[in-house]
Amino acid sequence: MNVEENLYWRVNDFYDAYLRYPETLDELSDFIWQIVNAEYEYKSFDLYLKSAPPIFTRDAKTLDFILNNRDKMQMAQKQGRLIITYKHKKIEIQKNVCKDLEMPLEKSHFIYKLNTCEIFDSDGRIMRNYYNDDFIELLTSVKKQYLCKHPNIDVNKLIYSAFRYNKHDGLVMLCPQVKVNIKNNLYLKDLSFSLDTFINERDINIIQFIIGVPNEKK
């Protein structure tokens, strides 16, 4: 796999993690550096390069390429696509988690992220996640309490969407076209209350996830 191909797949990985495109080459570089430095062994890529000898994985080569050619590269979003150009070459990526979740769930690319979470630090970077099992337990507990309080609601009729929760904004739905009233939905009210405790107990800044929400319309 050459640098161009690896760059394409790392942008895809970025989108899968953040549910959005990188805004800048610096943000993409930081994401790739987190992959290269997965064990937190080096304080910077410069120190990594000075190690004896540096291990030039595909990701290290890709990061080195971006850092040495960023003045010759351009990145822009257009009509739902991310386009990266370098000289006469062009990489084009098109992803949309919200449109994807409108498909039958078994056909969705994001089915593997259902009921899992990503944790972000105060700068918006993904943190090492130790809390997926805790998050699954939280969802199970919320569902159980919800069923006890609202036994007549069919929890098998779900509407899927992506959400983000933080202390400042509370629960935010990332797919505005989804027909769920986030302020009135009883399940989301219960979930928001539980998430507030969840992030405070673990000192989490931002948590992001994809879940199915009961359709409470009668």
C-alpha atoms as a PDB file:
ATOM      1  CA  MET A   1       0.000   0.000   0.000  1.00  0.00           C
ATOM      2  CA  ASN A   2       1.482   3.356  -1.035  1.00  0.00           C
ATOM      3  CA  VAL A   3       1.180   6.666   0.809  1.00  0.00           C
ATOM      4  CA  GLU A   4      -1.750   7.827  -1.313  1.00  0.00           C
ATOM      5  CA  GLU A   5      -3.773   4.685  -0.579  1.00  0.00           C
ATOM      6  CA  ASN A   6      -2.931   4.783   3.112  1.00  0.00           C
ATOM      7  CA  LEU A   7      -3.917   8.447   3.303  1.00  0.00           C
ATOM      8  CA  TYR A   8      -7.299   7.578   1.791  1.00  0.00           C
ATOM      9  CA  TRP A   9      -7.927   4.883   4.374  1.00  0.00           C
ATOM     10  CA  ARG A  10      -6.763   7.034   7.273  1.00  0.00           C
ATOM     11  CA  VAL A  11      -9.241   9.750   6.280  1.00  0.00           C
ATOM     12  CA  ASN A  12     -11.910   7.048   6.282  1.00  0.00           C
ATOM     13  CA  ASP A  13     -10.739   5.959   9.729  1.00  0.00           C
ATOM     14  CA  PHE A  14     -10.866   9.562  10.932  1.00  0.00           C
ATOM     15  CA  TYR A  15     -14.464   9.881   9.763  1.00  0.00           C
ATOM     16  CA  ASP A  16     -15.447   6.598  11.388  1.00  0.00           C
ATOM     17  CA  ALA A  17     -13.968   7.766  14.685  1.00  0.00           C
ATOM     18  CA  TYR A  18     -15.151  11.390  14.698  1.00  0.00           C
ATOM     19  CA  LEU A  19     -18.239  11.007  12.437  1.00  0.00           C
ATOM     20  CA  ARG A  20     -16.973  13.977  10.442  1.00  0.00           C
ATOM     21  CA  TYR A  21     -14.117  14.863   8.103  1.00  0.00           C
ATOM     22  CA  PRO A  22     -10.870  16.407   9.382  1.00  0.00           C
ATOM     23  CA  GLU A  23     -11.025  20.185   9.173  1.00  0.00           C
ATOM     24  CA  THR A  24      -7.326  20.692   8.454  1.00  0.00           C
ATOM     25  CA  LEU A  25      -4.221  18.771   7.463  1.00  0.00           C
ATOM     26  CA  ASP A  26      -2.897  19.449  10.957  1.00  0.00           C
ATOM     27  CA  GLU A  27      -5.905  17.700  12.466  1.00  0.00           C
ATOM     28  CA  LEU A  28      -5.432  14.734  10.132  1.00  0.00           C
ATOM     29  CA  SER A  29      -1.707  14.646  10.948  1.00  0.00           C
ATOM     30  CA  ASP A  30      -2.471  14.626  14.658  1.00  0.00           C
ATOM     31  CA  PHE A  31      -4.839  11.683  14.146  1.00  0.00           C
ATOM     32  CA  ILE A  32      -2.219   9.687  12.233  1.00  0.00           C
ATOM     33  CA  TRP A  33       0.401  10.552  14.857  1.00  0.00           C
ATOM     34  CA  GLN A  34      -1.860   9.050  17.521  1.00  0.00           C
ATOM     35  CA  ILE A  35      -1.821   5.820  15.502  1.00  0.00           C
ATOM     36  CA  VAL A  36       1.959   5.873  15.039  1.00  0.00           C
ATOM     37  CA  ASN A  37       2.526   6.696  18.700  1.00  0.00           C
ATOM     38  CA  ALA A  38      -0.156   4.337  20.003  1.00  0.00           C
ATOM     39  CA  GLU A  39       1.959   3.346  23.007  1.00  0.00           C
ATOM     40  CA  TYR A  40       2.710   6.994  23.893  1.00  0.00           C
ATOM     41  CA  GLU A  41       6.421   6.255  23.681  1.00  0.00           C
ATOM     42  CA  TYR A  42       7.429   9.518  21.983  1.00  0.00           C
ATOM     43  CA  LYS A  43       6.591  13.127  22.803  1.00  0.00           C
ATOM     44  CA  SER A  44       6.760  14.234  19.158  1.00  0.00           C
ATOM     45  CA  PHE A  45       7.229  12.926  15.637  1.00  0.00           C
ATOM     46  CA  ASP A  46      10.625  14.653  15.502  1.00  0.00           C
ATOM     47  CA  LEU A  47      11.784  12.568  18.466  1.00  0.00           C
ATOM     48  CA  TYR A  48      10.326   9.504  16.785  1.00  0.00           C
ATOM     49  CA  LEU A  49      12.424  10.214  13.682  1.00  0.00           C
ATOM     50  CA  LYS A  50      15.531  10.613  15.839  1.00  0.00           C
ATOM     51  CA  SER A  51      15.063   7.212  17.449  1.00  0.00           C
ATOM     52  CA  ALA A  52      17.612   4.579  16.483  1.00  0.00           C
ATOM     53  CA  PRO A  53      16.413   3.551  14.024  1.00  0.00           C
ATOM     54  CA  PRO A  54      12.921   4.984  13.389  1.00  0.00           C
ATOM     55  CA  ILE A  55      10.373   2.358  12.429  1.00  0.00           C
ATOM     56  CA  PHE A  56       8.886   3.508   9.137  1.00  0.00           C
ATOM     57  CA  THR A  57       5.474   1.916   9.147  1.00  0.00           C
ATOM     58  CA  ARG A  58       2.918   2.872   6.491  1.00  0.00           C
ATOM     59  CA  ASP A  59       1.432   5.406   8.865  1.00  0.00           C
ATOM     60  CA  ALA A  60       4.815   6.910   9.731  1.00  0.00           C
ATOM     61  CA  LYS A  61       5.559   7.300   6.018  1.00  0.00           C
ATOM     62  CA  THR A  62       2.153   8.883   5.454  1.00  0.00           C
ATOM     63  CA  LEU A  63       2.632  11.310   8.325  1.00  0.00           C
ATOM     64  CA  ASP A  64       6.133  12.187   7.131  1.00  0.00           C
ATOM     65  CA  PHE A  65       4.752  12.832   3.646  1.00  0.00           C
ATOM     66  CA  ILE A  66       2.047  15.196   4.923  1.00  0.00           C
ATOM     67  CA  LEU A  67       4.434  17.135   7.159  1.00  0.00           C
ATOM     68  CA  ASN A  68       6.960  17.570   4.344  1.00  0.00           C
ATOM     69  CA  ASN A  69       4.418  18.481   1.674  1.00  0.00           C
ATOM     70  CA  ARG A  70       1.650  20.330   3.481  1.00  0.00           C
ATOM     71  CA  ASP A  71       2.427  23.549   1.560  1.00  0.00           C
ATOM     72  CA  LYS A  72       1.782  21.667  -1.676  1.00  0.00           C
ATOM     73  CA  MET A  73      -1.382  19.955  -0.457  1.00  0.00           C
ATOM     74  CA  GLN A  74      -4.896  21.315  -0.314  1.00  0.00           C
ATOM     75  CA  MET A  75      -7.887  19.925   1.523  1.00  0.00           C
ATOM     76  CA  ALA A  76     -11.455  21.094   1.034  1.00  0.00           C
ATOM     77  CA  GLN A  77     -15.010  19.910   1.573  1.00  0.00           C
ATOM     78  CA  LYS A  78     -17.424  20.157  -1.325  1.00  0.00           C
ATOM     79  CA  GLN A  79     -20.965  18.804  -1.608  1.00  0.00           C
ATOM     80  CA  GLY A  80     -20.480  16.277   1.157  1.00  0.00           C
ATOM     81  CA  ARG A  81     -17.099  15.097  -0.114  1.00  0.00           C
ATOM     82  CA  LEU A  82     -13.589  15.637   1.201  1.00  0.00           C
ATOM     83  CA  ILE A  83     -11.039  16.322  -1.514  1.00  0.00           C
ATOM     84  CA  ILE A  84      -7.280  16.286  -0.945  1.00  0.00           C
ATOM     85  CA  THR A  85      -5.063  17.395  -3.813  1.00  0.00           C
ATOM     86  CA  TYR A  86      -1.299  17.145  -4.237  1.00  0.00           C
ATOM     87  CA  LYS A  87       0.146  18.372  -7.522  1.00  0.00           C
ATOM     88  CA  HIS A  88      -1.829  16.490 -10.192  1.00  0.00           C
ATOM     89  CA  LYS A  89      -3.128  13.816  -7.804  1.00  0.00           C
ATOM     90  CA  LYS A  90      -6.498  13.892  -6.068  1.00  0.00           C
ATOM     91  CA  ILE A  91      -7.963  11.825  -3.244  1.00  0.00           C
ATOM     92  CA  GLU A  92     -11.728  11.998  -2.872  1.00  0.00           C
ATOM     93  CA  ILE A  93     -13.770  10.588   0.001  1.00  0.00           C
ATOM     94  CA  GLN A  94     -17.530  10.686   0.478  1.00  0.00           C
ATOM     95  CA  LYS A  95     -19.142   9.494   3.705  1.00  0.00           C
ATOM     96  CA  ASN A  96     -22.289  10.468   5.566  1.00  0.00           C
ATOM     97  CA  VAL A  97     -23.149   8.680   8.780  1.00  0.00           C
ATOM     98  CA  CYS A  98     -26.674  10.108   8.891  1.00  0.00           C
ATOM     99  CA  LYS A  99     -27.592   8.935   5.390  1.00  0.00           C
ATOM    100  CA  ASP A 100     -25.945   5.613   6.112  1.00  0.00           C
ATOM    101  CA  LEU A 101     -28.126   5.095   9.186  1.00  0.00           C
ATOM    102  CA  GLU A 102     -31.248   5.611   7.073  1.00  0.00           C
ATOM    103  CA  MET A 103     -30.512   2.307   5.339  1.00  0.00           C
ATOM    104  CA  PRO A 104     -31.583  -1.046   6.795  1.00  0.00           C
ATOM    105  CA  LEU A 105     -29.296  -1.542   9.768  1.00  0.00           C
ATOM    106  CA  GLU A 106     -27.728  -4.740   8.442  1.00  0.00           C
ATOM    107  CA  LYS A 107     -26.508  -2.790   5.381  1.00  0.00           C
ATOM    108  CA  SER A 108     -25.066   0.116   7.339  1.00  0.00           C
ATOM    109  CA  HIS A 109     -21.298   0.571   7.388  1.00  0.00           C
ATOM    110  CA  PHE A 110     -21.626   1.910  10.931  1.00  0.00           C
ATOM    111  CA  ILE A 111     -23.403  -1.097  12.409  1.00  0.00           C
ATOM    112  CA  TYR A 112     -20.141  -2.073  14.130  1.00  0.00           C
ATOM    113  CA  LYS A 113     -20.252   1.196  16.107  1.00  0.00           C
ATOM    114  CA  LEU A 114     -23.782   0.647  17.375  1.00  0.00           C
ATOM    115  CA  ASN A 115     -23.957   0.925  21.193  1.00  0.00           C
ATOM    116  CA  THR A 116     -20.251   1.696  21.482  1.00  0.00           C
ATOM    117  CA  CYS A 117     -18.721   5.047  22.346  1.00  0.00           C
ATOM    118  CA  GLU A 118     -15.793   7.312  21.576  1.00  0.00           C
ATOM    119  CA  ILE A 119     -14.281   9.473  24.319  1.00  0.00           C
ATOM    120  CA  PHE A 120     -12.732  12.886  23.587  1.00  0.00           C
ATOM    121  CA  ASP A 121     -10.479  15.166  25.614  1.00  0.00           C
ATOM    122  CA  SER A 122     -11.030  18.901  26.123  1.00  0.00           C
ATOM    123  CA  ASP A 123      -9.208  19.630  22.840  1.00  0.00           C
ATOM    124  CA  GLY A 124     -11.476  17.287  20.902  1.00  0.00           C
ATOM    125  CA  ARG A 125      -8.916  14.507  20.470  1.00  0.00           C
ATOM    126  CA  ILE A 126      -9.927  10.891  20.844  1.00  0.00           C
ATOM    127  CA  MET A 127      -8.745   9.389  24.098  1.00  0.00           C
ATOM    128  CA  ARG A 128      -7.865   5.801  24.801  1.00  0.00           C
ATOM    129  CA  ASN A 129     -11.219   4.270  25.630  1.00  0.00           C
ATOM    130  CA  TYR A 130     -11.582   2.159  28.744  1.00  0.00           C
ATOM    131  CA  TYR A 131     -15.309   2.706  29.065  1.00  0.00           C
ATOM    132  CA  ASN A 132     -17.085   0.763  26.315  1.00  0.00           C
ATOM    133  CA  ASP A 133     -18.181  -1.989  28.687  1.00  0.00           C
ATOM    134  CA  ASP A 134     -19.389   0.621  31.174  1.00  0.00           C
ATOM    135  CA  PHE A 135     -21.289   2.381  28.401  1.00  0.00           C
ATOM    136  CA  ILE A 136     -23.016  -0.843  27.333  1.00  0.00           C
ATOM    137  CA  GLU A 137     -24.019  -1.415  30.966  1.00  0.00           C
ATOM    138  CA  LEU A 138     -25.401   2.128  31.103  1.00  0.00           C
ATOM    139  CA  LEU A 139     -27.527   1.561  27.975  1.00  0.00           C
ATOM    140  CA  THR A 140     -28.820  -1.725  29.387  1.00  0.00           C
ATOM    141  CA  SER A 141     -29.731  -0.060  32.682  1.00  0.00           C
ATOM    142  CA  VAL A 142     -31.461   2.892  30.989  1.00  0.00           C
ATOM    143  CA  LYS A 143     -33.469   0.557  28.756  1.00  0.00           C
ATOM    144  CA  LYS A 144     -34.541  -1.568  31.732  1.00  0.00           C
ATOM    145  CA  GLN A 145     -35.712   1.471  33.718  1.00  0.00           C
ATOM    146  CA  TYR A 146     -37.409   2.899  30.647  1.00  0.00           C
ATOM    147  CA  LEU A 147     -39.385  -0.316  30.071  1.00  0.00           C
ATOM    148  CA  CYS A 148     -40.499  -0.344  33.691  1.00  0.00           C
ATOM    149  CA  LYS A 149     -41.833   3.209  33.436  1.00  0.00           C
ATOM    150  CA  HIS A 150     -43.266   2.921  29.916  1.00  0.00           C
ATOM    151  CA  PRO A 151     -44.262  -0.718  29.342  1.00  0.00           C
ATOM    152  CA  ASN A 152     -46.542   0.089  26.399  1.00  0.00           C
ATOM    153  CA  ILE A 153     -43.815   1.555  24.196  1.00  0.00           C
ATOM    154  CA  ASP A 154     -42.373  -0.843  21.625  1.00  0.00           C
ATOM    155  CA  VAL A 155     -38.597  -0.705  22.081  1.00  0.00           C
ATOM    156  CA  ASN A 156     -38.107  -2.826  18.969  1.00  0.00           C
ATOM    157  CA  LYS A 157     -39.186   0.048  16.723  1.00  0.00           C
ATOM    158  CA  LEU A 158     -36.002   2.076  16.783  1.00  0.00           C
ATOM    159  CA  ILE A 159     -34.768   5.160  14.975  1.00  0.00           C
ATOM    160  CA  TYR A 160     -30.980   5.229  14.621  1.00  0.00           C
ATOM    161  CA  SER A 161     -28.868   8.329  15.006  1.00  0.00           C
ATOM    162  CA  ALA A 162     -25.494   9.581  16.186  1.00  0.00           C
ATOM    163  CA  PHE A 163     -25.242  11.629  19.377  1.00  0.00           C
ATOM    164  CA  ARG A 164     -22.698  13.632  21.331  1.00  0.00           C
ATOM    165  CA  TYR A 165     -22.870  14.516  25.003  1.00  0.00           C
ATOM    166  CA  ASN A 166     -20.818  16.977  27.032  1.00  0.00           C
ATOM    167  CA  LYS A 167     -21.258  18.944  30.223  1.00  0.00           C
ATOM    168  CA  HIS A 168     -21.807  22.265  28.469  1.00  0.00           C
ATOM    169  CA  ASP A 169     -24.222  21.361  25.665  1.00  0.00           C
ATOM    170  CA  GLY A 170     -25.853  18.260  27.080  1.00  0.00           C
ATOM    171  CA  LEU A 171     -27.150  15.729  24.555  1.00  0.00           C
ATOM    172  CA  VAL A 172     -26.829  16.780  20.912  1.00  0.00           C
ATOM    173  CA  MET A 173     -28.191  14.783  17.974  1.00  0.00           C
ATOM    174  CA  LEU A 174     -25.751  14.775  15.046  1.00  0.00           C
ATOM    175  CA  CYS A 175     -28.377  13.811  12.449  1.00  0.00           C
ATOM    176  CA  PRO A 176     -30.850  16.718  12.342  1.00  0.00           C
ATOM    177  CA  GLN A 177     -33.063  15.051   9.753  1.00  0.00           C
ATOM    178  CA  VAL A 178     -33.943  12.258  12.185  1.00  0.00           C
ATOM    179  CA  LYS A 179     -37.513  12.771  13.348  1.00  0.00           C
ATOM    180  CA  VAL A 180     -36.936  12.515  17.072  1.00  0.00           C
ATOM    181  CA  ASN A 181     -37.672  15.407  19.401  1.00  0.00           C
ATOM    182  CA  ILE A 182     -34.616  15.298  21.612  1.00  0.00           C
ATOM    183  CA  LYS A 183     -36.266  17.461  24.299  1.00  0.00           C
ATOM    184  CA  ASN A 184     -39.501  15.477  24.511  1.00  0.00           C
ATOM    185  CA  ASN A 185     -38.339  11.918  23.882  1.00  0.00           C
ATOM    186  CA  LEU A 186     -38.708  10.088  27.195  1.00  0.00           C
ATOM    187  CA  TYR A 187     -35.912   7.619  26.475  1.00  0.00           C
ATOM    188  CA  LEU A 188     -33.441  10.386  25.630  1.00  0.00           C
ATOM    189  CA  LYS A 189     -34.421  12.257  28.790  1.00  0.00           C
ATOM    190  CA  ASP A 190     -33.546   9.193  30.859  1.00  0.00           C
ATOM    191  CA  LEU A 191     -30.341   8.679  28.895  1.00  0.00           C
ATOM    192  CA  SER A 192     -29.254  12.314  29.335  1.00  0.00           C
ATOM    193  CA  PHE A 193     -29.713  12.089  33.085  1.00  0.00           C
ATOM    194  CA  SER A 194     -27.631   8.906  33.258  1.00  0.00           C
ATOM    195  CA  LEU A 195     -24.937  10.282  30.945  1.00  0.00           C
ATOM    196  CA  ASP A 196     -24.434  13.289  33.189  1.00  0.00           C
ATOM    197  CA  THR A 197     -23.537  11.005  36.088  1.00  0.00           C
ATOM    198  CA  PHE A 198     -21.525   8.724  33.791  1.00  0.00           C
ATOM    199  CA  ILE A 199     -19.168  11.434  32.501  1.00  0.00           C
ATOM    200  CA  ASN A 200     -18.799  13.167  35.869  1.00  0.00           C
ATOM    201  CA  GLU A 201     -17.759   9.967  37.630  1.00  0.00           C
ATOM    202  CA  ARG A 202     -15.126   9.263  34.956  1.00  0.00           C
ATOM    203  CA  ASP A 203     -13.982  12.842  34.307  1.00  0.00           C
ATOM    204  CA  ILE A 204     -14.966  12.597  30.624  1.00  0.00           C
ATOM    205  CA  ASN A 205     -15.254  15.772  28.560  1.00  0.00           C
ATOM    206  CA  ILE A 206     -17.124  14.507  25.503  1.00  0.00           C
ATOM    207  CA  ILE A 207     -18.701  11.174  24.635  1.00  0.00           C
ATOM    208  CA  GLN A 208     -20.021  10.280  21.176  1.00  0.00           C
ATOM    209  CA  PHE A 209     -22.067   7.257  20.120  1.00  0.00           C
ATOM    210  CA  ILE A 210     -24.627   5.700  17.772  1.00  0.00           C
ATOM    211  CA  ILE A 211     -27.761   4.173  19.271  1.00  0.00           C
ATOM    212  CA  GLY A 212     -31.312   3.228  18.413  1.00  0.00           C
ATOM    213  CA  VAL A 213     -33.992   5.444  19.980  1.00  0.00           C
ATOM    214  CA  PRO A 214     -37.531   4.139  20.609  1.00  0.00           C
ATOM    215  CA  ASN A 215     -40.083   5.715  18.286  1.00  0.00           C
ATOM    216  CA  GLU A 216     -42.550   7.096  20.799  1.00  0.00           C
ATOM    217  CA  LYS A 217     -45.042   8.380  18.243  1.00  0.00           C
ATOM    218  CA  LYS A 218     -48.380   6.647  18.630  1.00  0.00           C
END
